[in-house]
C-alpha atoms as a PDB file:
ATOM      1  CA  MET A   1       1.032   8.853 -28.484  1.00  0.00           C
ATOM      2  CA  ARG A   2      -1.216  11.557 -26.395  1.00  0.00           C
ATOM      3  CA  THR A   3       0.314  11.680 -22.857  1.00  0.00           C
ATOM      4  CA  GLY A   4      -1.329  13.508 -19.738  1.00  0.00           C
ATOM      5  CA  ILE A   5      -4.319  13.425 -18.239  1.00  0.00           C
ATOM      6  CA  THR A   6      -8.113  12.809 -18.941  1.00  0.00           C
ATOM      7  CA  GLN A   7     -11.028  13.080 -16.752  1.00  0.00           C
ATOM      8  CA  ALA A   8     -14.146  10.892 -16.421  1.00  0.00           C
ATOM      9  CA  PRO A   9     -17.201  10.137 -14.373  1.00  0.00           C
ATOM     10  CA  PHE A  10     -16.609   6.941 -12.197  1.00  0.00           C
ATOM     11  CA  GLY A  11     -20.322   7.176 -10.437  1.00  0.00           C
ATOM     12  CA  HIS A  12     -21.440   8.577  -7.210  1.00  0.00           C
ATOM     13  CA  SER A  13     -20.407   8.012  -3.209  1.00  0.00           C
ATOM     14  CA  PRO A  14     -22.374   6.777  -0.648  1.00  0.00           C
ATOM     15  CA  ASP A  15     -23.616  10.101   0.502  1.00  0.00           C
ATOM     16  CA  GLY A  16     -23.811  11.521  -3.486  1.00  0.00           C
ATOM     17  CA  GLN A  17     -20.992  12.987  -4.236  1.00  0.00           C
ATOM     18  CA  ILE A  18     -20.384  13.394  -7.705  1.00  0.00           C
ATOM     19  CA  ILE A  19     -16.989  10.273  -7.987  1.00  0.00           C
ATOM     20  CA  THR A  20     -13.802  11.415 -11.248  1.00  0.00           C
ATOM     21  CA  GLN A  21     -11.488   8.464 -12.426  1.00  0.00           C
ATOM     22  CA  PHE A  22      -8.199  10.598 -14.370  1.00  0.00           C
ATOM     23  CA  THR A  23      -6.724   8.608 -16.961  1.00  0.00           C
ATOM     24  CA  LEU A  24      -2.353   9.120 -16.211  1.00  0.00           C
ATOM     25  CA  THR A  25      -1.295   8.163 -19.416  1.00  0.00           C
ATOM     26  CA  ASN A  26       2.871   8.385 -20.773  1.00  0.00           C
ATOM     27  CA  ALA A  27       4.775   8.231 -23.574  1.00  0.00           C
ATOM     28  CA  ASN A  28       5.464   4.645 -24.367  1.00  0.00           C
ATOM     29  CA  GLY A  29       0.947   3.786 -23.794  1.00  0.00           C
ATOM     30  CA  MET A  30       1.377   2.953 -19.776  1.00  0.00           C
ATOM     31  CA  VAL A  31      -2.050   3.479 -18.278  1.00  0.00           C
ATOM     32  CA  ALA A  32      -3.000   4.593 -15.048  1.00  0.00           C
ATOM     33  CA  ARG A  33      -6.448   4.912 -13.506  1.00  0.00           C
ATOM     34  CA  ILE A  34      -7.191   6.997 -10.112  1.00  0.00           C
ATOM     35  CA  ILE A  35     -10.964   7.596  -8.395  1.00  0.00           C
ATOM     36  CA  ASP A  36     -11.165  10.958  -6.185  1.00  0.00           C
ATOM     37  CA  PHE A  37     -12.882   8.205  -3.752  1.00  0.00           C
ATOM     38  CA  GLY A  38     -10.386   7.703  -1.911  1.00  0.00           C
ATOM     39  CA  GLY A  39      -7.320   8.014  -4.623  1.00  0.00           C
ATOM     40  CA  ILE A  40      -8.083   4.046  -5.413  1.00  0.00           C
ATOM     41  CA  ILE A  41      -5.487   3.094  -8.236  1.00  0.00           C
ATOM     42  CA  THR A  42      -8.447   1.180 -10.351  1.00  0.00           C
ATOM     43  CA  GLU A  43      -6.215  -0.190 -13.080  1.00  0.00           C
ATOM     44  CA  LEU A  44      -2.363   0.230 -13.639  1.00  0.00           C
ATOM     45  CA  HIS A  45      -1.395  -1.230 -17.827  1.00  0.00           C
ATOM     46  CA  ALA A  46       1.997  -2.032 -18.252  1.00  0.00           C
ATOM     47  CA  PRO A  47       3.881  -3.818 -20.993  1.00  0.00           C
ATOM     48  CA  ASP A  48       5.211  -7.716 -20.676  1.00  0.00           C
ATOM     49  CA  ARG A  49       8.812  -8.635 -22.751  1.00  0.00           C
ATOM     50  CA  GLU A  50       6.098  -8.033 -26.064  1.00  0.00           C
ATOM     51  CA  GLY A  51       5.468  -5.180 -25.845  1.00  0.00           C
ATOM     52  CA  ARG A  52       1.926  -5.895 -24.831  1.00  0.00           C
ATOM     53  CA  LEU A  53      -0.406  -4.267 -22.391  1.00  0.00           C
ATOM     54  CA  ALA A  54      -2.060  -5.931 -19.450  1.00  0.00           C
ATOM     55  CA  ASP A  55      -3.726  -4.397 -16.242  1.00  0.00           C
ATOM     56  CA  VAL A  56      -1.548  -5.644 -12.863  1.00  0.00           C
ATOM     57  CA  VAL A  57      -3.672  -4.225 -10.528  1.00  0.00           C
ATOM     58  CA  LEU A  58      -6.858  -5.870  -8.966  1.00  0.00           C
ATOM     59  CA  GLY A  59      -9.950  -3.304  -8.509  1.00  0.00           C
ATOM     60  CA  PHE A  60     -13.534  -3.210  -9.694  1.00  0.00           C
ATOM     61  CA  ASP A  61     -15.569  -1.934 -12.775  1.00  0.00           C
ATOM     62  CA  THR A  62     -17.418   0.368 -10.706  1.00  0.00           C
ATOM     63  CA  LEU A  63     -17.572   2.399  -7.648  1.00  0.00           C
ATOM     64  CA  ALA A  64     -19.957   0.547  -5.111  1.00  0.00           C
ATOM     65  CA  PRO A  65     -17.839  -2.722  -4.186  1.00  0.00           C
ATOM     66  CA  TYR A  66     -14.934  -0.056  -3.912  1.00  0.00           C
ATOM     67  CA  ALA A  67     -17.302   1.518  -1.392  1.00  0.00           C
ATOM     68  CA  GLY A  68     -18.421  -1.127   0.321  1.00  0.00           C
ATOM     69  CA  ASP A  69     -16.172  -4.637   1.381  1.00  0.00           C
ATOM     70  CA  SER A  70     -12.825  -3.958  -0.386  1.00  0.00           C
ATOM     71  CA  PRO A  71     -10.414  -4.997   1.009  1.00  0.00           C
ATOM     72  CA  TYR A  72      -8.332  -1.730   0.747  1.00  0.00           C
ATOM     73  CA  PHE A  73      -7.515  -2.466  -2.888  1.00  0.00           C
ATOM     74  CA  GLY A  74      -5.376   0.128  -4.713  1.00  0.00           C
ATOM     75  CA  ALA A  75      -6.433   2.800  -2.027  1.00  0.00           C
ATOM     76  CA  LEU A  76      -4.125   5.442  -0.099  1.00  0.00           C
ATOM     77  CA  ILE A  77      -4.508   4.299   4.004  1.00  0.00           C
ATOM     78  CA  GLY A  78      -4.643   6.349   6.993  1.00  0.00           C
ATOM     79  CA  ARG A  79      -3.883   8.300   9.023  1.00  0.00           C
ATOM     80  CA  TYR A  80      -2.481   5.028   9.768  1.00  0.00           C
ATOM     81  CA  GLY A  81      -1.279   2.122   7.942  1.00  0.00           C
ATOM     82  CA  ASN A  82      -1.606  -1.073   9.391  1.00  0.00           C
ATOM     83  CA  ARG A  83      -2.396  -2.043  13.466  1.00  0.00           C
ATOM     84  CA  ILE A  84      -2.690  -0.676  16.861  1.00  0.00           C
ATOM     85  CA  ALA A  85      -2.578  -3.012  19.503  1.00  0.00           C
ATOM     86  CA  ARG A  86      -6.218  -2.689  21.211  1.00  0.00           C
ATOM     87  CA  GLY A  87      -7.111   0.337  19.287  1.00  0.00           C
ATOM     88  CA  ARG A  88      -5.523   1.919  22.297  1.00  0.00           C
ATOM     89  CA  PHE A  89      -2.383   4.440  22.667  1.00  0.00           C
ATOM     90  CA  THR A  90      -0.808   6.832  24.631  1.00  0.00           C
ATOM     91  CA  LEU A  91       0.617  10.169  23.855  1.00  0.00           C
ATOM     92  CA  ASP A  92       2.166  12.954  25.610  1.00  0.00           C
ATOM     93  CA  GLY A  93       0.184  11.448  28.897  1.00  0.00           C
ATOM     94  CA  ARG A  94      -3.041  11.527  27.634  1.00  0.00           C
ATOM     95  CA  GLU A  95      -4.357   8.191  25.710  1.00  0.00           C
ATOM     96  CA  PHE A  96      -6.472   7.693  23.152  1.00  0.00           C
ATOM     97  CA  SER A  97      -9.057   5.241  21.270  1.00  0.00           C
ATOM     98  CA  LEU A  98      -9.719   4.456  18.168  1.00  0.00           C
ATOM     99  CA  PRO A  99     -12.496   2.521  17.065  1.00  0.00           C
ATOM    100  CA  VAL A 100     -11.434  -1.233  16.388  1.00  0.00           C
ATOM    101  CA  ASN A 101     -11.570  -3.492  13.122  1.00  0.00           C
ATOM    102  CA  ASN A 102      -9.875  -6.025  12.777  1.00  0.00           C
ATOM    103  CA  GLY A 103     -10.680  -8.777  15.454  1.00  0.00           C
ATOM    104  CA  ASN A 104      -9.156  -6.497  19.019  1.00  0.00           C
ATOM    105  CA  ASN A 105      -7.658  -3.946  17.000  1.00  0.00           C
ATOM    106  CA  HIS A 106      -7.400  -1.075  14.886  1.00  0.00           C
ATOM    107  CA  LEU A 107      -6.216  -1.279  10.848  1.00  0.00           C
ATOM    108  CA  HIS A 108      -5.431   1.430   8.429  1.00  0.00           C
ATOM    109  CA  GLY A 109      -7.029   4.145  10.222  1.00  0.00           C
ATOM    110  CA  GLY A 110     -10.518   2.382  10.893  1.00  0.00           C
ATOM    111  CA  ALA A 111     -13.704   2.381   9.555  1.00  0.00           C
ATOM    112  CA  PRO A 112     -13.519   4.852   7.758  1.00  0.00           C
ATOM    113  CA  GLY A 113     -10.358   5.396   6.864  1.00  0.00           C
ATOM    114  CA  PHE A 114      -8.744   7.678   4.584  1.00  0.00           C
ATOM    115  CA  ASP A 115      -9.896   4.593   1.878  1.00  0.00           C
ATOM    116  CA  LYS A 116     -13.774   5.283   2.410  1.00  0.00           C
ATOM    117  CA  VAL A 117     -13.785   9.328   1.681  1.00  0.00           C
ATOM    118  CA  LYS A 118     -13.365  11.576  -1.342  1.00  0.00           C
ATOM    119  CA  TRP A 119     -10.556  13.441  -1.783  1.00  0.00           C
ATOM    120  CA  SER A 120     -10.271  17.031  -3.531  1.00  0.00           C
ATOM    121  CA  ALA A 121      -8.221  16.349  -6.584  1.00  0.00           C
ATOM    122  CA  THR A 122      -6.235  18.537  -8.933  1.00  0.00           C
ATOM    123  CA  VAL A 123      -4.361  18.056 -11.834  1.00  0.00           C
ATOM    124  CA  GLU A 124      -0.833  20.084 -12.518  1.00  0.00           C
ATOM    125  CA  GLY A 125       0.494  19.305 -15.634  1.00  0.00           C
ATOM    126  CA  ASP A 126       1.629  15.500 -15.469  1.00  0.00           C
ATOM    127  CA  SER A 127       1.057  14.740 -11.934  1.00  0.00           C
ATOM    128  CA  LEU A 128      -2.739  14.385  -9.868  1.00  0.00           C
ATOM    129  CA  LEU A 129      -2.952  16.178  -6.633  1.00  0.00           C
ATOM    130  CA  LEU A 130      -5.075  14.501  -3.570  1.00  0.00           C
ATOM    131  CA  SER A 131      -6.360  16.184  -0.622  1.00  0.00           C
ATOM    132  CA  TYR A 132      -8.188  16.040   2.668  1.00  0.00           C
ATOM    133  CA  ALA A 133      -8.522  17.623   5.482  1.00  0.00           C
ATOM    134  CA  SER A 134      -9.060  15.134   8.204  1.00  0.00           C
ATOM    135  CA  ARG A 135     -10.220  16.866  11.258  1.00  0.00           C
ATOM    136  CA  ASP A 136      -9.569  15.981  15.186  1.00  0.00           C
ATOM    137  CA  GLY A 137     -11.075  12.795  16.688  1.00  0.00           C
ATOM    138  CA  GLU A 138     -11.603  11.580  13.450  1.00  0.00           C
ATOM    139  CA  GLN A 139     -11.407   8.531  13.860  1.00  0.00           C
ATOM    140  CA  GLY A 140     -10.342   9.256  17.939  1.00  0.00           C
ATOM    141  CA  TYR A 141      -7.335  10.239  16.473  1.00  0.00           C
ATOM    142  CA  PRO A 142      -6.087  14.169  17.652  1.00  0.00           C
ATOM    143  CA  GLY A 143      -5.494  17.548  15.301  1.00  0.00           C
ATOM    144  CA  ASN A 144      -6.667  18.804  11.906  1.00  0.00           C
ATOM    145  CA  LEU A 145      -4.817  16.835   9.698  1.00  0.00           C
ATOM    146  CA  GLU A 146      -4.226  18.188   6.288  1.00  0.00           C
ATOM    147  CA  VAL A 147      -3.200  15.870   3.921  1.00  0.00           C
ATOM    148  CA  THR A 148      -1.751  15.796  -0.066  1.00  0.00           C
ATOM    149  CA  VAL A 149      -1.165  13.220  -1.988  1.00  0.00           C
ATOM    150  CA  ILE A 150       0.800  13.440  -5.389  1.00  0.00           C
ATOM    151  CA  TYR A 151       0.223  10.774  -7.597  1.00  0.00           C
ATOM    152  CA  THR A 152       2.642  11.074 -11.493  1.00  0.00           C
ATOM    153  CA  LEU A 153       2.672   8.610 -13.961  1.00  0.00           C
ATOM    154  CA  THR A 154       6.480   8.958 -15.501  1.00  0.00           C
ATOM    155  CA  ASP A 155       8.004   8.048 -19.314  1.00  0.00           C
ATOM    156  CA  ASP A 156      10.159   5.952 -17.530  1.00  0.00           C
ATOM    157  CA  ASN A 157       6.944   3.731 -16.280  1.00  0.00           C
ATOM    158  CA  GLU A 158       7.230   4.543 -12.688  1.00  0.00           C
ATOM    159  CA  LEU A 159       4.278   5.464 -10.893  1.00  0.00           C
ATOM    160  CA  VAL A 160       5.394   8.230  -7.985  1.00  0.00           C
ATOM    161  CA  VAL A 161       3.538   8.523  -5.078  1.00  0.00           C
ATOM    162  CA  ARG A 162       4.120  11.820  -2.695  1.00  0.00           C
ATOM    163  CA  PHE A 163       2.591  12.395   0.594  1.00  0.00           C
ATOM    164  CA  HIS A 164       2.563  15.311   2.722  1.00  0.00           C
ATOM    165  CA  ALA A 165       1.391  15.780   5.778  1.00  0.00           C
ATOM    166  CA  VAL A 166       0.736  18.707   8.400  1.00  0.00           C
ATOM    167  CA  THR A 167      -0.875  18.493  12.196  1.00  0.00           C
ATOM    168  CA  ASP A 168      -2.283  21.641  14.378  1.00  0.00           C
ATOM    169  CA  GLN A 169      -1.599  18.555  17.183  1.00  0.00           C
ATOM    170  CA  ALA A 170       0.976  15.935  17.761  1.00  0.00           C
ATOM    171  CA  THR A 171      -0.465  12.944  16.160  1.00  0.00           C
ATOM    172  CA  PRO A 172       0.436   9.985  14.993  1.00  0.00           C
ATOM    173  CA  VAL A 173       0.970   9.666  10.828  1.00  0.00           C
ATOM    174  CA  ASN A 174       1.908   6.887   8.778  1.00  0.00           C
ATOM    175  CA  LEU A 175       0.717   7.138   4.968  1.00  0.00           C
ATOM    176  CA  THR A 176       0.990   4.350   2.704  1.00  0.00           C
ATOM    177  CA  GLN A 177      -0.561   2.960  -1.240  1.00  0.00           C
ATOM    178  CA  HIS A 178      -2.552  -0.748  -0.714  1.00  0.00           C
ATOM    179  CA  SER A 179      -2.786  -1.826  -4.964  1.00  0.00           C
ATOM    180  CA  TYR A 180      -2.816  -5.776  -4.670  1.00  0.00           C
ATOM    181  CA  PHE A 181      -0.760  -6.926  -7.863  1.00  0.00           C
ATOM    182  CA  ASN A 182      -0.426  -9.137  -9.989  1.00  0.00           C
ATOM    183  CA  LEU A 183       2.254  -9.302 -12.518  1.00  0.00           C
ATOM    184  CA  ALA A 184       0.441 -11.660 -15.034  1.00  0.00           C
ATOM    185  CA  GLY A 185      -2.706 -10.295 -15.054  1.00  0.00           C
ATOM    186  CA  GLY A 186      -4.209 -13.271 -13.338  1.00  0.00           C
ATOM    187  CA  ASN A 187      -3.941 -16.344 -11.965  1.00  0.00           C
ATOM    188  CA  ASP A 188      -2.158 -16.878  -8.314  1.00  0.00           C
ATOM    189  CA  ILE A 189       1.204 -15.041  -7.191  1.00  0.00           C
ATOM    190  CA  LEU A 190       3.266 -17.702  -6.312  1.00  0.00           C
ATOM    191  CA  GLY A 191       5.241 -18.126  -9.244  1.00  0.00           C
ATOM    192  CA  HIS A 192       5.975 -14.225  -8.859  1.00  0.00           C
ATOM    193  CA  VAL A 193       9.784 -13.878  -7.974  1.00  0.00           C
ATOM    194  CA  LEU A 194      10.598 -11.505  -4.963  1.00  0.00           C
ATOM    195  CA  THR A 195      13.658  -9.717  -3.758  1.00  0.00           C
ATOM    196  CA  ILE A 196      13.732  -7.255  -0.703  1.00  0.00           C
ATOM    197  CA  ASP A 197      16.070  -5.990   0.506  1.00  0.00           C
ATOM    198  CA  ALA A 198      15.925  -7.190   4.323  1.00  0.00           C
ATOM    199  CA  ASP A 199      17.587  -8.548   7.008  1.00  0.00           C
ATOM    200  CA  ALA A 200      14.931  -8.533   9.576  1.00  0.00           C
ATOM    201  CA  PHE A 201      11.589  -8.041   9.480  1.00  0.00           C
ATOM    202  CA  VAL A 202       8.544  -7.511  12.536  1.00  0.00           C
ATOM    203  CA  ALA A 203       8.019 -10.318  14.574  1.00  0.00           C
ATOM    204  CA  ILE A 204       4.175 -10.584  15.052  1.00  0.00           C
ATOM    205  CA  ASP A 205       1.945 -12.608  17.264  1.00  0.00           C
ATOM    206  CA  ALA A 206      -1.263 -14.587  16.305  1.00  0.00           C
ATOM    207  CA  GLU A 207      -3.329 -11.512  16.100  1.00  0.00           C
ATOM    208  CA  SER A 208      -0.825 -10.103  13.926  1.00  0.00           C
ATOM    209  CA  ILE A 209       0.269  -7.481  16.253  1.00  0.00           C
ATOM    210  CA  PRO A 210       4.205  -6.895  17.093  1.00  0.00           C
ATOM    211  CA  THR A 211       5.840  -8.559  19.519  1.00  0.00           C
ATOM    212  CA  GLY A 212       7.975  -5.596  19.922  1.00  0.00           C
ATOM    213  CA  ALA A 213      11.318  -8.062  18.504  1.00  0.00           C
ATOM    214  CA  LEU A 214      12.689  -7.195  14.480  1.00  0.00           C
ATOM    215  CA  ALA A 215      13.178 -11.256  13.465  1.00  0.00           C
ATOM    216  CA  PRO A 216      16.368 -12.244  11.349  1.00  0.00           C
ATOM    217  CA  VAL A 217      15.066 -13.650   7.955  1.00  0.00           C
ATOM    218  CA  GLU A 218      18.055 -15.796   7.952  1.00  0.00           C
ATOM    219  CA  GLY A 219      17.482 -19.239   8.115  1.00  0.00           C
ATOM    220  CA  THR A 220      13.899 -18.730   7.944  1.00  0.00           C
ATOM    221  CA  PRO A 221      10.796 -18.222   5.153  1.00  0.00           C
ATOM    222  CA  PHE A 222      10.818 -14.641   5.246  1.00  0.00           C
ATOM    223  CA  ASP A 223      14.332 -14.904   3.553  1.00  0.00           C
ATOM    224  CA  PHE A 224      13.530 -12.708   0.136  1.00  0.00           C
ATOM    225  CA  ARG A 225      17.540 -11.501  -0.012  1.00  0.00           C
ATOM    226  CA  THR A 226      18.194 -13.206  -3.080  1.00  0.00           C
ATOM    227  CA  PRO A 227      15.142 -14.042  -5.153  1.00  0.00           C
ATOM    228  CA  ARG A 228      12.761 -16.529  -4.476  1.00  0.00           C
ATOM    229  CA  PRO A 229       9.135 -17.210  -5.946  1.00  0.00           C
ATOM    230  CA  ILE A 230       6.559 -16.178  -3.345  1.00  0.00           C
ATOM    231  CA  GLY A 231       5.227 -19.808  -2.866  1.00  0.00           C
ATOM    232  CA  ALA A 232       8.745 -21.499  -2.216  1.00  0.00           C
ATOM    233  CA  ARG A 233       7.907 -21.749   1.402  1.00  0.00           C
ATOM    234  CA  ILE A 234       4.421 -20.262   2.239  1.00  0.00           C
ATOM    235  CA  GLY A 235       3.536 -23.760   3.514  1.00  0.00           C
ATOM    236  CA  GLU A 236       6.421 -24.252   5.853  1.00  0.00           C
ATOM    237  CA  ASP A 237       5.432 -24.957   9.297  1.00  0.00           C
ATOM    238  CA  ASP A 238       6.380 -21.955  10.666  1.00  0.00           C
ATOM    239  CA  VAL A 239       5.133 -19.869  13.595  1.00  0.00           C
ATOM    240  CA  GLN A 240       5.258 -16.562  11.791  1.00  0.00           C
ATOM    241  CA  LEU A 241       3.511 -17.986   8.978  1.00  0.00           C
ATOM    242  CA  ARG A 242       1.116 -19.739  11.196  1.00  0.00           C
ATOM    243  CA  ASN A 243       0.503 -16.104  12.607  1.00  0.00           C
ATOM    244  CA  GLY A 244      -0.122 -14.304   9.169  1.00  0.00           C
ATOM    245  CA  GLN A 245      -1.785 -16.974   7.353  1.00  0.00           C
ATOM    246  CA  GLY A 246       0.985 -16.592   5.246  1.00  0.00           C
ATOM    247  CA  TYR A 247       3.161 -14.088   4.474  1.00  0.00           C
ATOM    248  CA  ASP A 248       1.151 -10.324   6.071  1.00  0.00           C
ATOM    249  CA  HIS A 249       4.622  -9.091   8.046  1.00  0.00           C
ATOM    250  CA  CYS A 250       6.663  -6.086   7.932  1.00  0.00           C
ATOM    251  CA  PHE A 251      10.612  -5.835   6.132  1.00  0.00           C
ATOM    252  CA  ALA A 252      12.922  -3.697   7.740  1.00  0.00           C
ATOM    253  CA  LEU A 253      14.417  -2.707   5.065  1.00  0.00           C
ATOM    254  CA  ASN A 254      18.167  -2.193   4.549  1.00  0.00           C
ATOM    255  CA  LYS A 255      18.827   1.248   4.285  1.00  0.00           C
ATOM    256  CA  PRO A 256      21.355   4.039   5.671  1.00  0.00           C
ATOM    257  CA  GLN A 257      19.405   6.167   9.092  1.00  0.00           C
ATOM    258  CA  GLY A 258      17.665   9.302   7.392  1.00  0.00           C
ATOM    259  CA  LYS A 259      15.277   9.838   4.657  1.00  0.00           C
ATOM    260  CA  ALA A 260      17.400   8.386   1.698  1.00  0.00           C
ATOM    261  CA  MET A 261      15.075   6.140  -1.422  1.00  0.00           C
ATOM    262  CA  THR A 262      16.527   2.753  -1.312  1.00  0.00           C
ATOM    263  CA  ARG A 263      15.426   0.150  -3.928  1.00  0.00           C
ATOM    264  CA  ALA A 264      12.765  -2.381  -1.211  1.00  0.00           C
ATOM    265  CA  ALA A 265      12.063  -5.367  -3.241  1.00  0.00           C
ATOM    266  CA  HIS A 266      12.142  -6.093  -7.011  1.00  0.00           C
ATOM    267  CA  VAL A 267       9.586  -8.706  -8.165  1.00  0.00           C
ATOM    268  CA  LEU A 268       9.856 -10.485 -11.372  1.00  0.00           C
ATOM    269  CA  GLU A 269       6.706 -12.960 -12.782  1.00  0.00           C
ATOM    270  CA  PRO A 270       8.572 -14.906 -15.664  1.00  0.00           C
ATOM    271  CA  ARG A 271       6.264 -15.760 -17.760  1.00  0.00           C
ATOM    272  CA  SER A 272       4.840 -12.566 -18.685  1.00  0.00           C
ATOM    273  CA  GLY A 273       8.429 -10.996 -18.277  1.00  0.00           C
ATOM    274  CA  ARG A 274       6.940  -8.254 -16.220  1.00  0.00           C
ATOM    275  CA  VAL A 275       9.531  -6.299 -13.038  1.00  0.00           C
ATOM    276  CA  LEU A 276       8.106  -4.466 -10.260  1.00  0.00           C
ATOM    277  CA  GLU A 277      10.631  -2.543  -8.561  1.00  0.00           C
ATOM    278  CA  LEU A 278      10.054  -0.396  -5.739  1.00  0.00           C
ATOM    279  CA  PHE A 279      11.537   2.313  -4.041  1.00  0.00           C
ATOM    280  CA  THR A 280      10.897   3.906  -1.227  1.00  0.00           C
ATOM    281  CA  GLU A 281      12.709   6.578   1.195  1.00  0.00           C
ATOM    282  CA  GLU A 282      10.602   4.329   4.760  1.00  0.00           C
ATOM    283  CA  PRO A 283      12.176   2.148   6.388  1.00  0.00           C
ATOM    284  CA  GLY A 284       9.818  -0.929   5.966  1.00  0.00           C
ATOM    285  CA  VAL A 285       7.483  -2.351   3.538  1.00  0.00           C
ATOM    286  CA  GLN A 286       4.561  -4.142   4.431  1.00  0.00           C
ATOM    287  CA  PHE A 287       4.725  -7.840   2.204  1.00  0.00           C
ATOM    288  CA  TYR A 288       0.984  -9.396   2.031  1.00  0.00           C
ATOM    289  CA  SER A 289       0.422 -12.482   0.001  1.00  0.00           C
ATOM    290  CA  GLY A 290      -3.292 -11.679  -0.625  1.00  0.00           C
ATOM    291  CA  ASN A 291      -3.657 -14.366   2.160  1.00  0.00           C
ATOM    292  CA  PHE A 292      -7.423 -13.632   2.804  1.00  0.00           C
ATOM    293  CA  LEU A 293      -8.488 -13.624  -0.575  1.00  0.00           C
ATOM    294  CA  ASP A 294     -11.570 -16.095  -1.347  1.00  0.00           C
ATOM    295  CA  ALA A 295     -12.757 -16.301  -4.268  1.00  0.00           C
ATOM    296  CA  SER A 296     -16.308 -14.374  -2.972  1.00  0.00           C
ATOM    297  CA  LEU A 297     -14.873 -10.810  -4.608  1.00  0.00           C
ATOM    298  CA  THR A 298     -15.550 -10.315  -8.666  1.00  0.00           C
ATOM    299  CA  GLY A 299     -14.026  -7.376 -10.400  1.00  0.00           C
ATOM    300  CA  LYS A 300     -12.872  -6.396 -14.073  1.00  0.00           C
ATOM    301  CA  GLY A 301     -13.600 -10.075 -15.669  1.00  0.00           C
ATOM    302  CA  GLN A 302     -11.887 -12.044 -12.819  1.00  0.00           C
ATOM    303  CA  THR A 303     -12.486 -14.046  -9.469  1.00  0.00           C
ATOM    304  CA  TYR A 304     -10.134 -12.811  -7.094  1.00  0.00           C
ATOM    305  CA  ALA A 305      -9.079 -16.130  -5.517  1.00  0.00           C
ATOM    306  CA  HIS A 306      -6.871 -16.810  -2.682  1.00  0.00           C
ATOM    307  CA  ARG A 307      -3.562 -15.420  -3.708  1.00  0.00           C
ATOM    308  CA  SER A 308      -4.291 -13.775  -6.766  1.00  0.00           C
ATOM    309  CA  GLY A 309      -2.612 -10.258  -5.156  1.00  0.00           C
ATOM    310  CA  PHE A 310       0.357  -9.125  -3.408  1.00  0.00           C
ATOM    311  CA  CYS A 311       1.052  -5.794  -1.862  1.00  0.00           C
ATOM    312  CA  LEU A 312       4.160  -4.080  -1.066  1.00  0.00           C
ATOM    313  CA  GLU A 313       3.001  -1.180   1.203  1.00  0.00           C
ATOM    314  CA  PRO A 314       5.933   1.245   1.897  1.00  0.00           C
ATOM    315  CA  GLN A 315       5.608   1.894   5.649  1.00  0.00           C
ATOM    316  CA  HIS A 316       7.001   2.938   9.013  1.00  0.00           C
ATOM    317  CA  PHE A 317       6.081  -0.584  11.192  1.00  0.00           C
ATOM    318  CA  PRO A 318       2.857  -1.208  12.897  1.00  0.00           C
ATOM    319  CA  ASP A 319       2.423  -0.500  16.371  1.00  0.00           C
ATOM    320  CA  SER A 320       4.912   2.227  16.953  1.00  0.00           C
ATOM    321  CA  PRO A 321       2.878   4.404  19.275  1.00  0.00           C
ATOM    322  CA  ASN A 322       2.963   1.489  21.610  1.00  0.00           C
ATOM    323  CA  GLN A 323       6.866   0.575  20.234  1.00  0.00           C
ATOM    324  CA  PRO A 324       8.839   3.177  21.751  1.00  0.00           C
ATOM    325  CA  GLN A 325      11.948   1.177  20.003  1.00  0.00           C
ATOM    326  CA  PHE A 326      10.528   1.541  16.544  1.00  0.00           C
ATOM    327  CA  PRO A 327      10.983   4.593  14.100  1.00  0.00           C
ATOM    328  CA  ASN A 328       8.776   7.172  14.831  1.00  0.00           C
ATOM    329  CA  VAL A 329       5.562   8.149  13.159  1.00  0.00           C
ATOM    330  CA  ILE A 330       4.557  11.053  15.921  1.00  0.00           C
ATOM    331  CA  LEU A 331       4.048  14.384  13.861  1.00  0.00           C
ATOM    332  CA  ARG A 332       4.130  17.475  15.431  1.00  0.00           C
ATOM    333  CA  PRO A 333       2.744  21.283  15.226  1.00  0.00           C
ATOM    334  CA  GLY A 334       5.605  23.226  13.301  1.00  0.00           C
ATOM    335  CA  GLU A 335       6.858  19.670  11.021  1.00  0.00           C
ATOM    336  CA  VAL A 336       6.424  18.731   7.896  1.00  0.00           C
ATOM    337  CA  TYR A 337       5.275  15.137   7.144  1.00  0.00           C
ATOM    338  CA  GLN A 338       7.021  13.862   3.740  1.00  0.00           C
ATOM    339  CA  THR A 339       8.420  11.072   2.327  1.00  0.00           C
ATOM    340  CA  GLU A 340       8.024   9.799  -1.590  1.00  0.00           C
ATOM    341  CA  SER A 341       7.781   6.047  -2.929  1.00  0.00           C
ATOM    342  CA  ARG A 342       8.064   4.809  -6.633  1.00  0.00           C
ATOM    343  CA  PHE A 343       6.830   1.819  -8.296  1.00  0.00           C
ATOM    344  CA  ARG A 344       9.374   1.150 -11.201  1.00  0.00           C
ATOM    345  CA  PHE A 345       7.621  -1.071 -14.060  1.00  0.00           C
ATOM    346  CA  SER A 346      10.599  -2.444 -16.495  1.00  0.00           C
ATOM    347  CA  THR A 347      10.542  -6.093 -18.547  1.00  0.00           C
ATOM    348  CA  ASP A 348      13.080  -8.923 -17.422  1.00  0.00           C
ATOM    349  CA  ARG A 349      13.351 -10.189 -21.714  1.00  0.00           C
ATOM    350  CA  GLN A 350      15.987 -13.372 -20.227  1.00  0.00           C
ATOM    351  CA  ALA A 351      13.130 -14.611 -17.841  1.00  0.00           C
END
């Protein structure tokens, strides 16, 4: 089995830059394909219980849809993953304005965010290093932010994502990875059995902005502390489900203080036996049930219909620059932003 990293052209960016696709292969035959536009995971092939590989992420065959109106399929997100209310925050007595690109609010770093830029790519052994220099004032954020993201596909069938950033001015930073998964390789994800290790989640208003409260999952459709199909309670008459039009909420993970790596989520697709586990150092994970997919997008031979993919985005909480009770997201000069998440694939032969 050939392992390592190979590369091939993947078209041109809207401004004419050559985009490259990197193929990472491990000793078990698992394959991840990543482009240096947006750091996007375009393909991720994982085995089922019979050893058959299937692509388990949503995406496209060509660059143009990623550069267009893609719903962040597979992309790196920054400077700030999730929403900032009204595109405004105050830092050290100074108010900053960001572009609003999600109703009245700022989402995923603006337009364009880190998902729509070309990253500098370097191969080091079995790892792909992507770097991007976000300049002072980009999308309204203060400071020059130097970002590096390292992707590694291990022989333990883990896709490891490591983030590193430094700044010359205080600035909010909340980086994440935004792949949409379907462990069956197609159809909807409502039968996937999900576990999230969280006693509470970030309650949101009708614009998906945090109310400031951490709501207990006990007795609600948000209780995934024991395994439950995603679709089991998604249709219930619950105000939080109405606000998100399904699940689109950040879960506050049960973990000790500090940066300890913990298992945040476990997902089983019963028919194939594929299992995805997310391990992260982040305090939260945004679980999104593909509510806004509407069959208007096609790629890789599929039509992406309603709830045909789910996201598990490790991150700090939404709107944290405006919510002082939430974990800190301000990076200052001399500090290092560093966090790691692991997407581990396996199979359950008893399913």
